[in-house]
């Protein structure tokens, strides 16, 4: 704590103007950390810790809006990270970064809640003075520090209906927070969800803009949701339904992004146990995308199928996922990690700019203790003709998440390209503390 305060004070002397706001922001974070109260600890607050990197073992990205969170008092998340990416014979970039998130909220009974947050990142002075040598995922488009609005959402609840209005985190197959860097994606959204019974949810709404490291523009600014997808619009209608009973769950999603594309997605998962030691999971997914309006991102005509299977025993999980794309274009893109079972740290199916591509993923995870996960994954991505595109990726990772407080995420992700595809490497280390 003393080190953090001294660092913050020293930094203030070198941050004129706008950047002094960052220093004040971090002073507030340190003050709140030192004054954690019993009230704050007792609330069922929004979990701000990063998600798992793999869709194949992570269903949270299809959760929709979150229910029954209590917003009383303040909490937050501070983190520091290092990232390095290199493409052999082309470039090498790295960056250190610090970030903070301060969340405060209040609830009036069970009917009205208001929740707001502020985000900030700091590009420390010991990063390179050459912007071309700085890996930009942690910062704004100029690879500089920034402070910005995070969430500012009002939640209205009555009976089985819950509405979320304003900038907020949101997880769905083709739009998700994807917080595998320092800060998550945020969406300006107007959503309503109807809890029909214990098994069935229906939801719909409107999403206007997106902010974050994957909004295809500037991480500190909201841009039109169509722009974030690579087109040009600020209108997206969305509808969904989810069903869960016993060992079976399913979800269906529809997106209409004006002047860009429409997307339909469905998945189904079945989980069960063979005995007290062995359990398994089987899943399937279907994804369909078509151009609409002015087709500002070019032709979208893709149908993608996916299957997955996992087997778990003795704290070890072995998973396999396969995706195949059909149609006249590449697989449908996303703002966030995307829905596909074969998504990895660097490669995803929609990154292959060719029709009829396919991807295969094998992963092995081991959990020696409750809070620690060690993983190894191998993926193969290729176009219909391997000479057009073929790349393989290896991921080794460690994830330590202790009781929604301390987090450590380490990832090493090299790729091997064939033919004219260059090979690459990526290192990522992010340490976090939630209070």
Protein backbone atom coordinates (compact mmCIF):
# COMPACT_ATOMS: atom_id res chain seq x y z
CA UNK A 1 0.00 0.00 0.00
CA UNK A 2 2.77 2.45 0.95
CA UNK A 3 4.55 1.70 -2.34
CA UNK A 4 1.37 2.35 -4.33
CA UNK A 5 0.78 5.72 -2.66
CA UNK A 6 4.41 6.81 -3.16
CA UNK A 7 4.26 5.76 -6.82
CA UNK A 8 1.01 7.68 -7.29
CA UNK A 9 2.50 10.81 -5.66
CA UNK A 10 5.65 10.60 -7.80
CA UNK A 11 3.60 10.13 -10.95
CA UNK A 12 1.56 13.26 -10.21
CA UNK A 13 4.62 15.45 -10.62
CA UNK A 14 5.01 14.24 -14.21
CA UNK A 15 1.36 14.23 -15.32
CA UNK A 16 0.18 17.77 -16.19
CA UNK A 17 -3.34 18.71 -17.12
CA UNK A 18 -5.71 15.87 -17.96
CA UNK A 19 -3.44 13.14 -16.63
CA UNK A 20 -3.56 14.55 -13.10
CA UNK A 21 -7.17 13.34 -13.10
CA UNK A 22 -5.77 9.83 -13.42
CA UNK A 23 -3.66 10.36 -10.34
CA UNK A 24 -6.70 11.60 -8.38
CA UNK A 25 -8.66 8.58 -9.62
CA UNK A 26 -6.04 6.19 -8.27
CA UNK A 27 -5.87 8.06 -4.95
CA UNK A 28 -9.60 7.43 -4.63
CA UNK A 29 -9.07 3.73 -5.38
CA UNK A 30 -6.36 3.44 -2.73
CA UNK A 31 -8.53 5.27 -0.20
CA UNK A 32 -11.45 2.92 -0.80
CA UNK A 33 -9.23 -0.15 -0.58
CA UNK A 34 -7.99 0.99 2.84
CA UNK A 35 -11.57 1.60 4.03
CA UNK A 36 -13.28 -1.62 2.98
CA UNK A 37 -16.36 -1.98 5.14
CA UNK A 38 -18.47 -4.86 6.34
CA UNK A 39 -21.36 -3.49 4.25
CA UNK A 40 -19.33 -3.64 1.05
CA UNK A 41 -18.13 -7.16 1.83
CA UNK A 42 -21.67 -8.40 2.50
CA UNK A 43 -23.14 -7.36 -0.84
CA UNK A 44 -23.59 -9.67 -3.80
CA UNK A 45 -21.75 -7.29 -6.08
CA UNK A 46 -20.79 -7.49 -9.71
CA UNK A 47 -17.75 -9.73 -10.09
CA UNK A 48 -15.14 -7.59 -11.83
CA UNK A 49 -12.45 -10.25 -12.15
CA UNK A 50 -11.47 -11.37 -15.69
CA UNK A 51 -13.21 -14.22 -17.45
CA UNK A 52 -11.78 -17.50 -18.62
CA UNK A 53 -10.07 -17.16 -22.02
CA UNK A 54 -11.83 -20.12 -23.62
CA UNK A 55 -15.38 -20.27 -24.92
CA UNK A 56 -15.17 -24.05 -24.96
CA UNK A 57 -15.19 -24.08 -21.14
CA UNK A 58 -16.98 -20.78 -20.54
CA UNK A 59 -20.73 -20.25 -20.91
CA UNK A 60 -20.77 -16.79 -19.26
CA UNK A 61 -20.40 -15.03 -22.60
CA UNK A 62 -23.92 -16.09 -23.51
CA UNK A 63 -25.51 -15.06 -20.23
CA UNK A 64 -27.30 -11.86 -21.30
CA UNK A 65 -28.03 -9.39 -18.48
CA UNK A 66 -27.20 -10.33 -14.89
CA UNK A 67 -29.99 -10.50 -12.32
CA UNK A 68 -30.24 -9.87 -8.57
CA UNK A 69 -27.03 -7.88 -8.13
CA UNK A 70 -27.06 -5.58 -5.10
CA UNK A 71 -25.66 -2.10 -5.63
CA UNK A 72 -25.00 -0.50 -2.24
CA UNK A 73 -21.70 1.19 -1.57
CA UNK A 74 -18.56 1.08 -3.67
CA UNK A 75 -16.11 -1.51 -4.92
CA UNK A 76 -13.53 -1.68 -7.65
CA UNK A 77 -10.68 -3.40 -9.38
CA UNK A 78 -7.05 -2.40 -9.87
CA UNK A 79 -4.65 -4.25 -12.15
CA UNK A 80 -1.26 -4.12 -13.76
CA UNK A 81 -0.17 -5.95 -16.86
CA UNK A 82 2.50 -6.67 -19.41
CA UNK A 83 1.89 -7.71 -23.00
CA UNK A 84 4.26 -8.44 -25.87
CA UNK A 85 3.40 -9.40 -29.41
CA UNK A 86 5.81 -10.17 -32.20
CA UNK A 87 5.30 -11.16 -35.80
CA UNK A 88 8.49 -12.73 -37.06
CA UNK A 89 10.41 -10.62 -39.60
CA UNK A 90 7.77 -7.86 -39.34
CA UNK A 91 7.44 -6.17 -35.92
CA UNK A 92 7.80 -6.51 -32.16
CA UNK A 93 5.77 -4.46 -29.67
CA UNK A 94 5.37 -4.56 -25.91
CA UNK A 95 3.73 -2.54 -23.15
CA UNK A 96 3.33 -2.26 -19.41
CA UNK A 97 0.08 -0.80 -18.16
CA UNK A 98 -1.93 -0.06 -15.02
CA UNK A 99 -5.69 0.27 -14.74
CA UNK A 100 -8.38 0.99 -12.22
CA UNK A 101 -12.13 0.67 -12.02
CA UNK A 102 -14.24 2.40 -9.39
CA UNK A 103 -17.88 1.27 -9.06
CA UNK A 104 -20.55 2.81 -6.85
CA UNK A 105 -24.24 2.04 -6.64
CA UNK A 106 -27.39 2.29 -4.61
CA UNK A 107 -30.60 0.26 -4.40
CA UNK A 108 -34.11 1.35 -3.44
CA UNK A 109 -35.80 -1.85 -2.41
CA UNK A 110 -35.98 -4.47 -5.12
CA UNK A 111 -37.43 -2.15 -7.77
CA UNK A 112 -34.77 0.44 -8.60
CA UNK A 113 -30.98 0.27 -8.69
CA UNK A 114 -28.44 2.73 -10.05
CA UNK A 115 -24.87 1.69 -10.77
CA UNK A 116 -22.02 3.75 -12.19
CA UNK A 117 -18.30 3.29 -12.67
CA UNK A 118 -15.23 5.07 -13.99
CA UNK A 119 -12.32 3.45 -15.81
CA UNK A 120 -8.73 4.60 -16.12
CA UNK A 121 -5.50 3.30 -17.60
CA UNK A 122 -1.96 4.58 -17.18
CA UNK A 123 0.81 4.24 -19.71
CA UNK A 124 3.85 4.44 -17.38
CA UNK A 125 6.91 6.47 -18.22
CA UNK A 126 9.12 3.41 -18.58
CA UNK A 127 7.33 2.28 -21.75
CA UNK A 128 9.11 3.08 -25.00
CA UNK A 129 9.01 6.65 -26.27
CA UNK A 130 8.56 5.19 -29.76
CA UNK A 131 4.81 4.65 -30.21
CA UNK A 132 5.45 2.08 -32.92
CA UNK A 133 7.14 -0.11 -30.31
CA UNK A 134 4.18 0.05 -27.86
CA UNK A 135 1.57 -2.70 -27.95
CA UNK A 136 -1.66 -0.70 -27.96
CA UNK A 137 -4.27 -3.03 -26.42
CA UNK A 138 -3.99 -1.41 -22.98
CA UNK A 139 -4.40 2.23 -24.04
CA UNK A 140 -6.34 4.57 -26.34
CA UNK A 141 -5.77 4.93 -30.08
CA UNK A 142 -2.79 7.22 -29.43
CA UNK A 143 -1.32 4.64 -27.03
CA UNK A 144 -1.78 7.05 -24.14
CA UNK A 145 -3.39 6.98 -20.69
CA UNK A 146 -7.05 7.87 -20.33
CA UNK A 147 -9.94 8.13 -17.89
CA UNK A 148 -13.49 7.49 -19.05
CA UNK A 149 -17.01 6.61 -18.04
CA UNK A 150 -17.56 2.89 -17.55
CA UNK A 151 -21.06 1.85 -16.58
CA UNK A 152 -23.94 4.23 -15.88
CA UNK A 153 -26.91 1.91 -15.75
CA UNK A 154 -30.36 2.12 -14.18
CA UNK A 155 -32.05 -1.18 -13.36
CA UNK A 156 -35.82 -1.42 -12.99
CA UNK A 157 -37.37 -4.63 -11.66
CA UNK A 158 -40.94 -5.74 -11.16
CA UNK A 159 -42.19 -9.29 -10.78
CA UNK A 160 -40.30 -11.29 -13.44
CA UNK A 161 -39.35 -8.28 -15.59
CA UNK A 162 -35.98 -6.52 -15.36
CA UNK A 163 -34.81 -3.62 -17.51
CA UNK A 164 -31.20 -2.41 -17.82
CA UNK A 165 -30.87 1.12 -19.26
CA UNK A 166 -27.57 2.82 -20.05
CA UNK A 167 -23.89 1.95 -20.58
CA UNK A 168 -23.24 -1.50 -19.10
CA UNK A 169 -21.39 -4.78 -19.30
CA UNK A 170 -23.19 -7.24 -21.53
CA UNK A 171 -22.41 -10.81 -22.50
CA UNK A 172 -23.89 -12.44 -25.58
CA UNK A 173 -22.49 -14.62 -28.38
CA UNK A 174 -21.53 -11.80 -30.77
CA UNK A 175 -21.23 -8.90 -28.30
CA UNK A 176 -19.39 -9.40 -25.02
CA UNK A 177 -17.14 -7.61 -22.55
CA UNK A 178 -14.08 -9.75 -23.44
CA UNK A 179 -12.03 -8.43 -20.53
CA UNK A 180 -8.81 -10.27 -21.34
CA UNK A 181 -6.85 -7.01 -21.30
CA UNK A 182 -6.93 -4.26 -18.65
CA UNK A 183 -10.52 -3.07 -19.16
CA UNK A 184 -13.72 -4.66 -20.51
CA UNK A 185 -15.91 -3.69 -23.43
CA UNK A 186 -18.95 -1.60 -22.44
CA UNK A 187 -22.17 -1.24 -24.44
CA UNK A 188 -24.71 1.59 -24.41
CA UNK A 189 -27.78 -0.61 -24.32
CA UNK A 190 -31.48 -0.54 -23.49
CA UNK A 191 -32.48 -4.08 -22.58
CA UNK A 192 -35.43 -5.83 -21.01
CA UNK A 193 -35.47 -9.42 -19.76
CA UNK A 194 -38.52 -11.45 -18.73
CA UNK A 195 -38.03 -14.31 -16.28
CA UNK A 196 -40.96 -16.54 -17.22
CA UNK A 197 -40.09 -19.31 -14.75
CA UNK A 198 -37.06 -21.04 -13.26
CA UNK A 199 -36.14 -22.48 -16.65
CA UNK A 200 -37.01 -19.87 -19.26
CA UNK A 201 -35.84 -16.28 -19.94
CA UNK A 202 -36.84 -14.02 -22.83
CA UNK A 203 -35.08 -10.77 -23.64
CA UNK A 204 -34.92 -8.01 -26.20
CA UNK A 205 -33.54 -4.54 -26.61
CA UNK A 206 -31.52 -1.99 -28.49
CA UNK A 207 -27.74 -1.47 -28.51
CA UNK A 208 -26.43 1.84 -29.81
CA UNK A 209 -22.70 2.11 -29.16
CA UNK A 210 -19.68 0.20 -27.84
CA UNK A 211 -16.52 1.21 -25.98
CA UNK A 212 -13.43 -0.88 -25.31
CA UNK A 213 -10.26 -2.36 -26.71
CA UNK A 214 -12.19 -4.22 -29.44
CA UNK A 215 -14.53 -1.49 -30.68
CA UNK A 216 -12.53 -1.16 -33.92
CA UNK A 217 -11.70 2.46 -33.12
CA UNK A 218 -10.68 4.21 -29.89
CA UNK A 219 -10.94 2.28 -26.61
CA UNK A 220 -11.84 5.36 -24.55
CA UNK A 221 -14.76 6.48 -26.74
CA UNK A 222 -18.17 5.07 -27.53
CA UNK A 223 -18.55 4.40 -31.25
CA UNK A 224 -21.58 3.23 -33.20
CA UNK A 225 -22.18 -0.48 -32.79
CA UNK A 226 -22.15 -0.86 -36.58
CA UNK A 227 -18.80 0.92 -36.70
CA UNK A 228 -17.48 -1.49 -34.08
CA UNK A 229 -18.42 -4.35 -36.43
CA UNK A 230 -16.55 -2.65 -39.27
CA UNK A 231 -19.50 -0.90 -40.88
CA UNK A 232 -21.24 2.42 -40.28
CA UNK A 233 -24.30 2.67 -38.02
CA UNK A 234 -25.44 3.14 -34.44
CA UNK A 235 -28.45 0.85 -34.39
CA UNK A 236 -28.68 -2.78 -33.41
CA UNK A 237 -31.78 -4.63 -32.29
CA UNK A 238 -31.31 -7.82 -30.33
CA UNK A 239 -33.56 -10.58 -29.04
CA UNK A 240 -32.83 -13.76 -27.12
CA UNK A 241 -34.24 -16.69 -25.24
CA UNK A 242 -32.54 -19.07 -22.82
CA UNK A 243 -33.74 -22.35 -21.39
CA UNK A 244 -32.23 -24.52 -18.67
CA UNK A 245 -33.61 -27.60 -16.97
CA UNK A 246 -31.74 -30.37 -15.19
CA UNK A 247 -28.71 -31.26 -17.35
CA UNK A 248 -29.82 -29.45 -20.51
CA UNK A 249 -29.54 -25.78 -21.50
CA UNK A 250 -30.06 -23.93 -24.75
CA UNK A 251 -30.04 -20.35 -26.00
CA UNK A 252 -31.09 -18.55 -29.17
CA UNK A 253 -30.04 -15.04 -30.24
CA UNK A 254 -30.95 -12.66 -33.06
CA UNK A 255 -29.10 -9.43 -33.98
CA UNK A 256 -30.13 -6.87 -36.57
CA UNK A 257 -27.29 -4.36 -37.06
CA UNK A 258 -28.62 -1.70 -39.41
CA UNK A 259 -26.73 -1.33 -42.69
CA UNK A 260 -24.27 -4.02 -41.63
CA UNK A 261 -25.60 -7.54 -41.03
CA UNK A 262 -28.13 -9.72 -39.31
CA UNK A 263 -27.09 -12.71 -37.24
CA UNK A 264 -28.92 -15.72 -35.86
CA UNK A 265 -27.22 -17.96 -33.31
CA UNK A 266 -28.33 -21.02 -31.34
CA UNK A 267 -26.53 -23.46 -29.08
CA UNK A 268 -27.40 -26.48 -26.93
CA UNK A 269 -25.42 -28.16 -24.16
CA UNK A 270 -25.96 -31.39 -22.23
CA UNK A 271 -24.06 -32.18 -19.02
CA UNK A 272 -24.06 -35.37 -16.96
CA UNK A 273 -21.98 -37.71 -14.79
CA UNK A 274 -20.93 -41.25 -15.49
CA UNK A 275 -20.22 -41.76 -11.78
CA UNK A 276 -18.82 -39.84 -8.82
CA UNK A 277 -15.49 -39.38 -10.64
CA UNK A 278 -16.22 -38.88 -14.34
CA UNK A 279 -18.45 -36.18 -15.83
CA UNK A 280 -18.92 -35.00 -19.41
CA UNK A 281 -20.46 -32.28 -21.53
CA UNK A 282 -21.64 -32.27 -25.14
CA UNK A 283 -22.51 -29.16 -27.10
CA UNK A 284 -23.50 -27.93 -30.52
CA UNK A 285 -23.81 -24.46 -32.07
CA UNK A 286 -25.24 -22.93 -35.24
CA UNK A 287 -24.37 -19.44 -36.48
CA UNK A 288 -25.87 -17.67 -39.51
CA UNK A 289 -24.99 -14.22 -40.87
CA UNK A 290 -26.15 -12.17 -43.87
CA UNK A 291 -25.48 -8.67 -45.18
CA UNK A 292 -28.22 -6.07 -44.82
CA UNK A 293 -28.61 -2.50 -46.02
CA UNK A 294 -25.63 -1.00 -47.75
CA UNK A 295 -23.37 -3.94 -46.94
CA UNK A 296 -20.76 -1.55 -45.61
CA UNK A 297 -18.40 -4.32 -44.50
CA UNK A 298 -18.70 -6.25 -47.75
CA UNK A 299 -20.51 -9.48 -48.40
CA UNK A 300 -21.61 -11.45 -45.35
CA UNK A 301 -23.00 -14.87 -46.24
CA UNK A 302 -21.85 -17.41 -43.69
CA UNK A 303 -23.23 -20.47 -41.95
CA UNK A 304 -21.07 -21.95 -39.21
CA UNK A 305 -21.56 -25.20 -37.34
CA UNK A 306 -19.73 -26.24 -34.19
CA UNK A 307 -19.51 -29.21 -31.86
CA UNK A 308 -17.67 -29.73 -28.59
CA UNK A 309 -17.10 -32.49 -26.06
CA UNK A 310 -15.45 -32.39 -22.65
CA UNK A 311 -14.55 -35.09 -20.14
CA UNK A 312 -13.61 -34.29 -16.53
CA UNK A 313 -12.06 -36.45 -13.81
CA UNK A 314 -9.63 -35.94 -10.95
CA UNK A 315 -9.64 -32.13 -11.37
CA UNK A 316 -8.64 -32.52 -15.02
CA UNK A 317 -10.72 -31.52 -18.05
CA UNK A 318 -10.02 -32.63 -21.61
CA UNK A 319 -11.94 -30.73 -24.31
CA UNK A 320 -12.25 -30.85 -28.07
CA UNK A 321 -14.02 -28.33 -30.28
CA UNK A 322 -14.59 -28.13 -34.02
CA UNK A 323 -16.07 -25.38 -36.21
CA UNK A 324 -16.80 -25.44 -39.92
CA UNK A 325 -17.89 -22.45 -41.98
CA UNK A 326 -20.04 -22.68 -45.12
CA UNK A 327 -21.25 -20.00 -47.52
CA UNK A 328 -19.64 -17.34 -49.67
CA UNK A 329 -17.85 -15.31 -46.98
CA UNK A 330 -15.76 -15.67 -43.84
CA UNK A 331 -17.47 -16.55 -40.56
CA UNK A 332 -19.48 -13.79 -38.85
CA UNK A 333 -17.35 -11.37 -36.82
CA UNK A 334 -18.00 -10.10 -33.28
CA UNK A 335 -17.34 -7.27 -30.85
CA UNK A 336 -15.59 -9.32 -28.19
CA UNK A 337 -14.39 -12.89 -28.05
CA UNK A 338 -17.16 -14.28 -30.25
CA UNK A 339 -19.18 -17.46 -29.78
CA UNK A 340 -17.08 -20.13 -31.45
CA UNK A 341 -15.80 -23.14 -29.53
CA UNK A 342 -12.42 -22.88 -31.25
CA UNK A 343 -11.54 -19.30 -30.26
CA UNK A 344 -8.03 -18.94 -28.82
CA UNK A 345 -5.79 -16.12 -27.57
CA UNK A 346 -4.82 -14.88 -31.04
CA UNK A 347 -6.81 -16.86 -33.58
CA UNK A 348 -10.56 -17.17 -34.10
CA UNK A 349 -12.50 -18.71 -36.96
CA UNK A 350 -13.73 -15.31 -38.21
CA UNK A 351 -10.10 -14.10 -38.49
CA UNK A 352 -9.73 -16.35 -41.54
CA UNK A 353 -10.67 -14.11 -44.46
CA UNK A 354 -11.83 -17.00 -46.64
CA UNK A 355 -15.04 -18.93 -47.11
CA UNK A 356 -15.43 -22.57 -46.04
CA UNK A 357 -12.75 -22.34 -43.34
CA UNK A 358 -12.49 -24.75 -40.44
CA UNK A 359 -10.89 -24.84 -36.99
CA UNK A 360 -10.04 -27.59 -34.50
CA UNK A 361 -9.17 -27.02 -30.84
CA UNK A 362 -7.84 -29.43 -28.19
CA UNK A 363 -7.42 -28.23 -24.61
CA UNK A 364 -6.34 -29.76 -21.32
CA UNK A 365 -6.97 -28.04 -17.99
CA UNK A 366 -5.81 -29.12 -14.55
CA UNK A 367 -6.99 -27.63 -11.25
CA UNK A 368 -4.59 -28.74 -8.49
CA UNK A 369 -6.33 -26.51 -5.93
CA UNK A 370 -9.67 -24.73 -5.93
CA UNK A 371 -8.45 -21.34 -7.15
CA UNK A 372 -5.71 -22.36 -9.59
CA UNK A 373 -6.09 -23.55 -13.20
CA UNK A 374 -3.24 -24.68 -15.45
CA UNK A 375 -3.98 -25.13 -19.14
CA UNK A 376 -2.61 -26.20 -22.47
CA UNK A 377 -4.45 -25.79 -25.79
CA UNK A 378 -3.62 -26.48 -29.43
CA UNK A 379 -5.58 -25.11 -32.37
CA UNK A 380 -5.44 -25.61 -36.14
CA UNK A 381 -7.06 -23.09 -38.54
CA UNK A 382 -7.24 -23.49 -42.28
CA UNK A 383 -9.10 -22.34 -45.34
CA UNK A 384 -10.65 -24.79 -47.79
CA UNK A 385 -7.34 -24.71 -49.64
CA UNK A 386 -4.45 -24.87 -47.16
CA UNK A 387 -2.31 -22.88 -49.59
CA UNK A 388 -4.69 -19.91 -49.07
CA UNK A 389 -4.51 -19.95 -45.26
CA UNK A 390 -3.14 -22.35 -42.65
CA UNK A 391 -1.97 -21.50 -39.13
CA UNK A 392 -1.55 -23.39 -35.85
CA UNK A 393 -1.58 -21.91 -32.36
CA UNK A 394 -0.35 -23.17 -28.99
CA UNK A 395 -1.58 -21.67 -25.72
CA UNK A 396 -0.12 -22.35 -22.28
CA UNK A 397 -1.71 -20.49 -19.41
CA UNK A 398 -2.08 -20.12 -15.65
CA UNK A 399 -5.12 -18.58 -13.98
CA UNK A 400 -5.33 -17.94 -10.23
CA UNK A 401 -8.56 -16.36 -8.97
CA UNK A 402 -8.82 -16.23 -5.19
CA UNK A 403 -12.26 -15.62 -3.71
CA UNK A 404 -13.09 -12.69 -6.01
CA UNK A 405 -10.12 -10.74 -4.63
CA UNK A 406 -6.73 -11.61 -6.11
CA UNK A 407 -6.25 -12.64 -9.75
CA UNK A 408 -3.20 -13.70 -11.73
CA UNK A 409 -3.51 -14.51 -15.43
CA UNK A 410 -0.50 -15.59 -17.49
CA UNK A 411 -0.68 -16.57 -21.16
CA UNK A 412 1.93 -17.58 -23.72
CA UNK A 413 0.55 -17.95 -27.25
CA UNK A 414 2.87 -18.68 -30.19
CA UNK A 415 1.52 -19.35 -33.67
CA UNK A 416 3.11 -21.16 -36.60
CA UNK A 417 2.14 -19.99 -40.06
CA UNK A 418 2.46 -22.04 -43.24
CA UNK A 419 3.07 -20.91 -46.80
CA UNK A 420 3.00 -17.09 -46.78
CA UNK A 421 1.42 -16.74 -43.30
CA UNK A 422 3.93 -15.28 -40.79
CA UNK A 423 4.50 -16.90 -37.38
CA UNK A 424 4.04 -14.89 -34.19
CA UNK A 425 4.27 -14.91 -30.40
CA UNK A 426 2.31 -13.26 -27.62
CA UNK A 427 2.99 -13.01 -23.88
CA UNK A 428 0.40 -11.62 -21.51
CA UNK A 429 0.57 -11.23 -17.72
CA UNK A 430 -2.15 -9.42 -15.77
CA UNK A 431 -2.32 -9.11 -11.97
CA UNK A 432 -5.48 -7.82 -10.32
CA UNK A 433 -7.03 -7.03 -6.96
CA UNK A 434 -10.79 -6.64 -6.41
CA UNK A 435 -12.03 -4.77 -3.36
